[in-house]
Structure formats: C-alpha cells, structure tokens
C-alpha cells in the first residue's frame, strides 16, 4: 500500500516522478496529495497537480453538477501541466 509509511516496490512515482491527484471531493484529494508529498517527496520532479470538485456546494441539477465535479478536459489539462506540455 502507498500509505504504509514507504512507497511500494515498482511505484510509478519512481519511474515517472510526476503526480496528479484526481478526486470528486475536496478533502480526499487534499489528503492524497499531502500523503504523497510526505512519503514520496524525493521521487517528484514536479509539484503534484490536484483536480477536485470546485469550491461550491454540490448542486442537485445534473447540468450544474457536471460543472462542479472534475471532467476529462480538467484532468487532461492537469496532466499536461505536470508534464510541462502546457
């Protein structure tokens, strides 16, 4: 497990040195990013990019919900940013 106190053998962070945290809620993404930063700091070549829900209450309307939670273009933009392609 990643959160066992040390990165597991064959960890993708060792190979790529890049991280993107994707979560549908604010707190889970923040916690994952914090743990990765604490446990795997030596492996990172770039800061962790977080993609999470916008800082608004989650709406009931389906159309508004799509605007509030991360979508594919948001994730692609974060990956390109962490890879210095944008």
N, C-alpha and C. Protein backbone atom coordinates (compact mmCIF):
# COMPACT_ATOMS: atom_id res chain seq x y z
N UNK A 1 0.83 -1.18 0.00
CA UNK A 1 0.00 0.00 0.00
C UNK A 1 0.87 1.24 0.00
N UNK A 2 0.38 2.27 -0.62
CA UNK A 2 1.10 3.53 -0.67
C UNK A 2 1.22 4.18 0.69
N UNK A 3 0.20 4.03 1.54
CA UNK A 3 0.17 4.73 2.82
C UNK A 3 0.76 3.90 3.96
N UNK A 4 1.60 2.93 3.66
CA UNK A 4 2.17 2.09 4.71
C UNK A 4 3.40 2.72 5.34
N UNK A 5 3.79 3.90 4.93
CA UNK A 5 4.97 4.53 5.50
C UNK A 5 6.12 4.61 4.53
N UNK A 6 6.08 3.80 3.49
CA UNK A 6 7.12 3.87 2.46
C UNK A 6 6.51 3.49 1.11
N UNK A 7 7.04 4.03 0.03
CA UNK A 7 6.47 3.70 -1.28
C UNK A 7 6.68 2.22 -1.60
N UNK A 8 5.71 1.58 -2.25
CA UNK A 8 5.87 0.18 -2.59
C UNK A 8 6.89 -0.02 -3.70
N UNK A 9 7.37 -1.23 -3.80
CA UNK A 9 8.32 -1.56 -4.86
C UNK A 9 7.64 -1.41 -6.21
N UNK A 10 8.32 -0.83 -7.19
CA UNK A 10 7.75 -0.64 -8.51
C UNK A 10 6.79 0.54 -8.57
N UNK A 11 6.86 1.41 -7.62
CA UNK A 11 5.96 2.57 -7.57
C UNK A 11 6.11 3.41 -8.83
N UNK A 12 5.00 3.77 -9.50
CA UNK A 12 5.10 4.60 -10.70
C UNK A 12 5.77 5.95 -10.45
N UNK A 13 5.73 6.43 -9.21
CA UNK A 13 6.40 7.70 -8.91
C UNK A 13 7.90 7.60 -9.10
N UNK A 14 8.46 6.46 -8.80
CA UNK A 14 9.90 6.28 -9.00
C UNK A 14 10.25 6.34 -10.48
N UNK A 15 9.36 5.80 -11.29
CA UNK A 15 9.65 5.75 -12.73
C UNK A 15 9.43 7.10 -13.40
N UNK A 16 8.29 7.75 -13.10
CA UNK A 16 7.92 8.96 -13.82
C UNK A 16 8.24 10.23 -13.05
N UNK A 17 8.17 10.21 -11.73
CA UNK A 17 8.46 11.40 -10.94
C UNK A 17 7.39 12.48 -11.03
N UNK A 18 6.19 12.11 -11.46
CA UNK A 18 5.10 13.07 -11.63
C UNK A 18 3.84 12.53 -10.96
N UNK A 19 2.99 13.45 -10.47
CA UNK A 19 1.77 13.00 -9.81
C UNK A 19 0.60 13.93 -10.07
N UNK A 20 -0.56 13.34 -10.31
CA UNK A 20 -1.81 14.09 -10.45
C UNK A 20 -2.83 13.41 -9.53
N UNK A 21 -3.41 14.17 -8.63
CA UNK A 21 -4.42 13.66 -7.71
C UNK A 21 -5.79 14.07 -8.23
N UNK A 22 -6.66 13.08 -8.48
CA UNK A 22 -7.99 13.35 -9.01
C UNK A 22 -9.01 12.84 -7.99
N UNK A 23 -9.91 13.72 -7.56
CA UNK A 23 -10.92 13.33 -6.58
C UNK A 23 -12.20 14.11 -6.85
N UNK A 24 -13.33 13.49 -6.58
CA UNK A 24 -14.61 14.16 -6.79
C UNK A 24 -14.98 15.05 -5.61
N UNK A 25 -14.23 14.98 -4.52
CA UNK A 25 -14.50 15.86 -3.38
C UNK A 25 -13.20 16.57 -3.00
N UNK A 26 -13.31 17.64 -2.26
CA UNK A 26 -12.15 18.47 -1.94
C UNK A 26 -11.21 17.80 -0.95
N UNK A 27 -11.73 17.24 0.12
CA UNK A 27 -10.89 16.76 1.20
C UNK A 27 -10.10 15.51 0.84
N UNK A 28 -10.70 14.59 0.11
CA UNK A 28 -9.99 13.36 -0.25
C UNK A 28 -8.78 13.67 -1.12
N UNK A 29 -8.95 14.54 -2.09
CA UNK A 29 -7.83 14.91 -2.96
C UNK A 29 -6.72 15.60 -2.21
N UNK A 30 -7.07 16.43 -1.25
CA UNK A 30 -6.07 17.12 -0.44
C UNK A 30 -5.30 16.13 0.41
N UNK A 31 -5.99 15.16 0.99
CA UNK A 31 -5.33 14.17 1.83
C UNK A 31 -4.39 13.28 1.02
N UNK A 32 -4.84 12.85 -0.14
CA UNK A 32 -3.98 12.02 -1.01
C UNK A 32 -2.75 12.80 -1.42
N UNK A 33 -2.92 14.05 -1.81
CA UNK A 33 -1.77 14.87 -2.22
C UNK A 33 -0.80 15.07 -1.06
N UNK A 34 -1.33 15.31 0.12
CA UNK A 34 -0.47 15.51 1.29
C UNK A 34 0.32 14.25 1.62
N UNK A 35 -0.33 13.11 1.57
CA UNK A 35 0.37 11.85 1.86
C UNK A 35 1.44 11.55 0.82
N UNK A 36 1.10 11.77 -0.45
CA UNK A 36 2.10 11.55 -1.50
C UNK A 36 3.29 12.47 -1.30
N UNK A 37 3.03 13.72 -0.97
CA UNK A 37 4.11 14.69 -0.78
C UNK A 37 4.98 14.28 0.40
N UNK A 38 4.37 13.81 1.49
CA UNK A 38 5.13 13.40 2.67
C UNK A 38 5.97 12.15 2.42
N UNK A 39 5.36 11.16 1.78
CA UNK A 39 6.01 9.86 1.66
C UNK A 39 6.89 9.70 0.44
N UNK A 40 6.64 10.48 -0.60
CA UNK A 40 7.34 10.27 -1.87
C UNK A 40 8.02 11.53 -2.38
N UNK A 41 8.31 12.47 -1.50
CA UNK A 41 8.85 13.76 -1.92
C UNK A 41 10.13 13.61 -2.76
N UNK A 42 10.98 12.68 -2.40
CA UNK A 42 12.27 12.53 -3.09
C UNK A 42 12.12 12.08 -4.54
N UNK A 43 10.98 11.51 -4.90
CA UNK A 43 10.78 10.99 -6.25
C UNK A 43 10.17 12.00 -7.21
N UNK A 44 9.63 13.11 -6.70
CA UNK A 44 8.92 14.06 -7.55
C UNK A 44 9.86 14.98 -8.32
N UNK A 45 9.57 15.15 -9.61
CA UNK A 45 10.28 16.11 -10.45
C UNK A 45 9.46 17.38 -10.64
N UNK A 46 8.19 17.35 -10.24
CA UNK A 46 7.29 18.50 -10.38
C UNK A 46 6.28 18.46 -9.24
N UNK A 47 5.68 19.59 -8.92
CA UNK A 47 4.65 19.59 -7.86
C UNK A 47 3.45 18.73 -8.27
N UNK A 48 2.77 18.18 -7.28
CA UNK A 48 1.55 17.41 -7.53
C UNK A 48 0.46 18.36 -7.99
N UNK A 49 -0.23 17.98 -9.03
CA UNK A 49 -1.38 18.75 -9.52
C UNK A 49 -2.64 18.11 -8.95
N UNK A 50 -3.51 18.92 -8.37
CA UNK A 50 -4.77 18.43 -7.82
C UNK A 50 -5.93 18.81 -8.73
N UNK A 51 -6.79 17.83 -9.00
CA UNK A 51 -8.02 18.07 -9.75
C UNK A 51 -9.14 17.61 -8.83
N UNK A 52 -9.97 18.55 -8.41
CA UNK A 52 -11.04 18.22 -7.46
C UNK A 52 -12.29 19.03 -7.78
N UNK A 53 -13.32 18.75 -7.02
CA UNK A 53 -14.59 19.49 -7.16
C UNK A 53 -14.33 20.97 -6.93
N UNK A 54 -15.07 21.79 -7.66
CA UNK A 54 -14.97 23.23 -7.45
C UNK A 54 -15.41 23.55 -6.02
N UNK A 55 -14.97 24.66 -5.50
CA UNK A 55 -15.27 25.01 -4.11
C UNK A 55 -16.67 25.63 -3.99
N UNK A 56 -17.66 24.82 -4.31
CA UNK A 56 -19.08 25.20 -4.19
C UNK A 56 -19.83 23.99 -3.64
N UNK A 57 -20.98 24.20 -3.02
CA UNK A 57 -21.80 23.05 -2.62
C UNK A 57 -22.22 22.25 -3.86
N UNK A 58 -22.23 20.95 -3.75
CA UNK A 58 -22.59 20.11 -4.89
C UNK A 58 -24.06 20.31 -5.23
N UNK A 59 -24.36 20.79 -6.44
CA UNK A 59 -25.75 21.06 -6.81
C UNK A 59 -26.51 19.78 -7.14
N UNK A 60 -27.85 19.87 -7.07
CA UNK A 60 -28.71 18.74 -7.41
C UNK A 60 -28.92 18.62 -8.91
N UNK A 61 -28.86 19.71 -9.62
CA UNK A 61 -29.08 19.70 -11.05
C UNK A 61 -27.94 18.97 -11.75
N UNK A 62 -28.29 18.09 -12.67
CA UNK A 62 -27.27 17.32 -13.39
C UNK A 62 -26.32 18.19 -14.19
N UNK A 63 -26.85 19.21 -14.83
CA UNK A 63 -26.01 20.11 -15.64
C UNK A 63 -25.04 20.90 -14.76
N UNK A 64 -25.52 21.38 -13.63
CA UNK A 64 -24.65 22.13 -12.72
C UNK A 64 -23.64 21.20 -12.04
N UNK A 65 -24.05 19.96 -11.79
CA UNK A 65 -23.13 19.00 -11.19
C UNK A 65 -21.94 18.74 -12.12
N UNK A 66 -22.20 18.66 -13.41
CA UNK A 66 -21.12 18.46 -14.37
C UNK A 66 -20.11 19.60 -14.33
N UNK A 67 -20.59 20.80 -14.05
CA UNK A 67 -19.69 21.95 -13.95
C UNK A 67 -18.89 21.96 -12.66
N UNK A 68 -19.41 21.30 -11.62
CA UNK A 68 -18.77 21.34 -10.31
C UNK A 68 -17.72 20.24 -10.12
N UNK A 69 -17.95 19.05 -10.69
CA UNK A 69 -17.01 17.95 -10.48
C UNK A 69 -16.00 17.90 -11.63
N UNK A 70 -14.83 17.29 -11.40
CA UNK A 70 -13.80 17.24 -12.45
C UNK A 70 -14.29 16.49 -13.70
N UNK A 71 -13.98 17.05 -14.84
CA UNK A 71 -14.32 16.44 -16.12
C UNK A 71 -13.02 16.10 -16.86
N UNK A 72 -13.14 15.36 -17.94
CA UNK A 72 -11.97 14.91 -18.71
C UNK A 72 -11.07 16.08 -19.14
N UNK A 73 -11.60 17.19 -19.64
CA UNK A 73 -10.71 18.29 -20.02
C UNK A 73 -9.91 18.86 -18.82
N UNK A 74 -10.51 18.85 -17.63
CA UNK A 74 -9.79 19.31 -16.44
C UNK A 74 -8.61 18.38 -16.13
N UNK A 75 -8.84 17.09 -16.25
CA UNK A 75 -7.81 16.10 -15.96
C UNK A 75 -6.69 16.19 -17.00
N UNK A 76 -7.07 16.30 -18.27
CA UNK A 76 -6.07 16.41 -19.34
C UNK A 76 -5.20 17.65 -19.14
N UNK A 77 -5.82 18.75 -18.77
CA UNK A 77 -5.07 19.98 -18.53
C UNK A 77 -4.09 19.82 -17.38
N UNK A 78 -4.49 19.14 -16.30
CA UNK A 78 -3.61 18.92 -15.15
C UNK A 78 -2.43 18.02 -15.54
N UNK A 79 -2.70 16.99 -16.32
CA UNK A 79 -1.62 16.09 -16.75
C UNK A 79 -0.64 16.83 -17.65
N UNK A 80 -1.14 17.64 -18.57
CA UNK A 80 -0.26 18.40 -19.44
C UNK A 80 0.56 19.42 -18.64
N UNK A 81 -0.05 20.00 -17.62
CA UNK A 81 0.67 20.97 -16.79
C UNK A 81 1.80 20.31 -16.02
N UNK A 82 1.52 19.14 -15.44
CA UNK A 82 2.55 18.48 -14.65
C UNK A 82 3.67 17.93 -15.56
N UNK A 83 3.36 17.67 -16.82
CA UNK A 83 4.37 17.19 -17.75
C UNK A 83 5.07 18.33 -18.51
N UNK A 84 4.74 19.56 -18.13
CA UNK A 84 5.31 20.77 -18.77
C UNK A 84 5.02 20.83 -20.25
N UNK A 85 3.85 20.35 -20.67
CA UNK A 85 3.46 20.42 -22.07
C UNK A 85 2.55 21.62 -22.32
N UNK A 86 2.15 22.31 -21.29
CA UNK A 86 1.26 23.45 -21.43
C UNK A 86 1.80 24.63 -20.66
